[in-house]
């Protein structure tokens, strides 16, 4: 649906008397609830656990952040 059509529908809806506007919103909400939304994909981070071991070679995290900030100046 184009934004022009959506704007037209919105204007028509807003022109309704308040009880009818509320009923329209209730119908739309009911219709949305009936639709089956896909399950959000869950990411499994467990295979990545420990992959960064040894990257820091004993470097302090705060020293690393400070050095990054110095490079930006």
C-alpha atoms as a PDB file:
ATOM      1  CA  UNK A   1       0.000   0.000   0.000  1.00  0.00           C
ATOM      2  CA  UNK A   2       1.366   3.387  -0.899  1.00  0.00           C
ATOM      3  CA  UNK A   3       1.911   6.085   1.674  1.00  0.00           C
ATOM      4  CA  UNK A   4      -0.663   8.230  -0.149  1.00  0.00           C
ATOM      5  CA  UNK A   5      -3.335   5.564   0.336  1.00  0.00           C
ATOM      6  CA  UNK A   6      -2.283   5.063   3.956  1.00  0.00           C
ATOM      7  CA  UNK A   7      -2.489   8.803   4.600  1.00  0.00           C
ATOM      8  CA  UNK A   8      -5.958   8.872   3.017  1.00  0.00           C
ATOM      9  CA  UNK A   9      -7.165   6.000   5.214  1.00  0.00           C
ATOM     10  CA  UNK A  10      -5.675   7.654   8.295  1.00  0.00           C
ATOM     11  CA  UNK A  11      -7.468  10.919   7.538  1.00  0.00           C
ATOM     12  CA  UNK A  12     -10.760   9.067   7.069  1.00  0.00           C
ATOM     13  CA  UNK A  13     -10.282   7.204  10.339  1.00  0.00           C
ATOM     14  CA  UNK A  14      -9.476  10.379  12.241  1.00  0.00           C
ATOM     15  CA  UNK A  15     -12.640  12.004  10.870  1.00  0.00           C
ATOM     16  CA  UNK A  16     -14.830   9.334  12.485  1.00  0.00           C
ATOM     17  CA  UNK A  17     -16.766  10.128  15.652  1.00  0.00           C
ATOM     18  CA  UNK A  18     -14.761   9.043  18.701  1.00  0.00           C
ATOM     19  CA  UNK A  19     -16.778   5.871  19.480  1.00  0.00           C
ATOM     20  CA  UNK A  20     -16.423   4.631  15.880  1.00  0.00           C
ATOM     21  CA  UNK A  21     -12.725   5.554  15.855  1.00  0.00           C
ATOM     22  CA  UNK A  22     -12.213   3.500  19.027  1.00  0.00           C
ATOM     23  CA  UNK A  23     -14.158   0.592  17.512  1.00  0.00           C
ATOM     24  CA  UNK A  24     -11.966   0.727  14.397  1.00  0.00           C
ATOM     25  CA  UNK A  25      -8.840   0.635  16.527  1.00  0.00           C
ATOM     26  CA  UNK A  26     -10.234  -2.300  18.524  1.00  0.00           C
ATOM     27  CA  UNK A  27     -10.978  -4.200  15.316  1.00  0.00           C
ATOM     28  CA  UNK A  28      -7.478  -3.560  13.995  1.00  0.00           C
ATOM     29  CA  UNK A  29      -5.912  -4.691  17.258  1.00  0.00           C
ATOM     30  CA  UNK A  30      -8.086  -7.817  17.270  1.00  0.00           C
ATOM     31  CA  UNK A  31      -7.031  -8.602  13.713  1.00  0.00           C
ATOM     32  CA  UNK A  32      -3.363  -8.131  14.596  1.00  0.00           C
ATOM     33  CA  UNK A  33      -3.703 -10.473  17.568  1.00  0.00           C
ATOM     34  CA  UNK A  34      -5.237 -13.150  15.332  1.00  0.00           C
ATOM     35  CA  UNK A  35      -2.332 -13.083  12.924  1.00  0.00           C
ATOM     36  CA  UNK A  36       0.464 -15.441  13.761  1.00  0.00           C
ATOM     37  CA  UNK A  37       3.739 -13.567  14.096  1.00  0.00           C
ATOM     38  CA  UNK A  38       6.928 -15.505  13.448  1.00  0.00           C
ATOM     39  CA  UNK A  39       8.936 -16.462  16.510  1.00  0.00           C
ATOM     40  CA  UNK A  40      11.939 -14.195  16.888  1.00  0.00           C
ATOM     41  CA  UNK A  41      15.080 -16.065  15.988  1.00  0.00           C
ATOM     42  CA  UNK A  42      17.147 -16.904  19.021  1.00  0.00           C
ATOM     43  CA  UNK A  43      20.873 -16.795  18.582  1.00  0.00           C
ATOM     44  CA  UNK A  44      23.046 -19.421  20.223  1.00  0.00           C
ATOM     45  CA  UNK A  45      26.224 -17.770  21.450  1.00  0.00           C
ATOM     46  CA  UNK A  46      27.598 -20.835  23.261  1.00  0.00           C
ATOM     47  CA  UNK A  47      29.799 -21.998  20.347  1.00  0.00           C
ATOM     48  CA  UNK A  48      31.602 -18.641  20.516  1.00  0.00           C
ATOM     49  CA  UNK A  49      32.433 -18.948  24.198  1.00  0.00           C
ATOM     50  CA  UNK A  50      36.180 -18.766  24.742  1.00  0.00           C
ATOM     51  CA  UNK A  51      37.076 -17.883  21.148  1.00  0.00           C
ATOM     52  CA  UNK A  52      38.766 -14.641  22.221  1.00  0.00           C
ATOM     53  CA  UNK A  53      40.956 -16.321  24.772  1.00  0.00           C
ATOM     54  CA  UNK A  54      44.506 -15.101  24.379  1.00  0.00           C
ATOM     55  CA  UNK A  55      43.593 -12.086  22.260  1.00  0.00           C
ATOM     56  CA  UNK A  56      44.370  -9.652  25.064  1.00  0.00           C
ATOM     57  CA  UNK A  57      47.623 -11.341  26.133  1.00  0.00           C
ATOM     58  CA  UNK A  58      47.303  -9.986  29.667  1.00  0.00           C
ATOM     59  CA  UNK A  59      46.510  -6.432  28.547  1.00  0.00           C
ATOM     60  CA  UNK A  60      44.349  -4.434  30.927  1.00  0.00           C
ATOM     61  CA  UNK A  61      40.940  -3.601  29.446  1.00  0.00           C
ATOM     62  CA  UNK A  62      41.005  -0.015  30.723  1.00  0.00           C
ATOM     63  CA  UNK A  63      44.464   0.572  29.209  1.00  0.00           C
ATOM     64  CA  UNK A  64      43.137  -0.719  25.888  1.00  0.00           C
ATOM     65  CA  UNK A  65      40.131   1.625  26.002  1.00  0.00           C
ATOM     66  CA  UNK A  66      42.326   4.579  26.943  1.00  0.00           C
ATOM     67  CA  UNK A  67      44.660   3.853  24.021  1.00  0.00           C
ATOM     68  CA  UNK A  68      41.694   3.694  21.621  1.00  0.00           C
ATOM     69  CA  UNK A  69      40.476   7.043  22.868  1.00  0.00           C
ATOM     70  CA  UNK A  70      43.924   8.580  22.412  1.00  0.00           C
ATOM     71  CA  UNK A  71      43.972   7.402  18.788  1.00  0.00           C
ATOM     72  CA  UNK A  72      40.716   9.285  18.134  1.00  0.00           C
ATOM     73  CA  UNK A  73      42.146  12.640  19.216  1.00  0.00           C
END
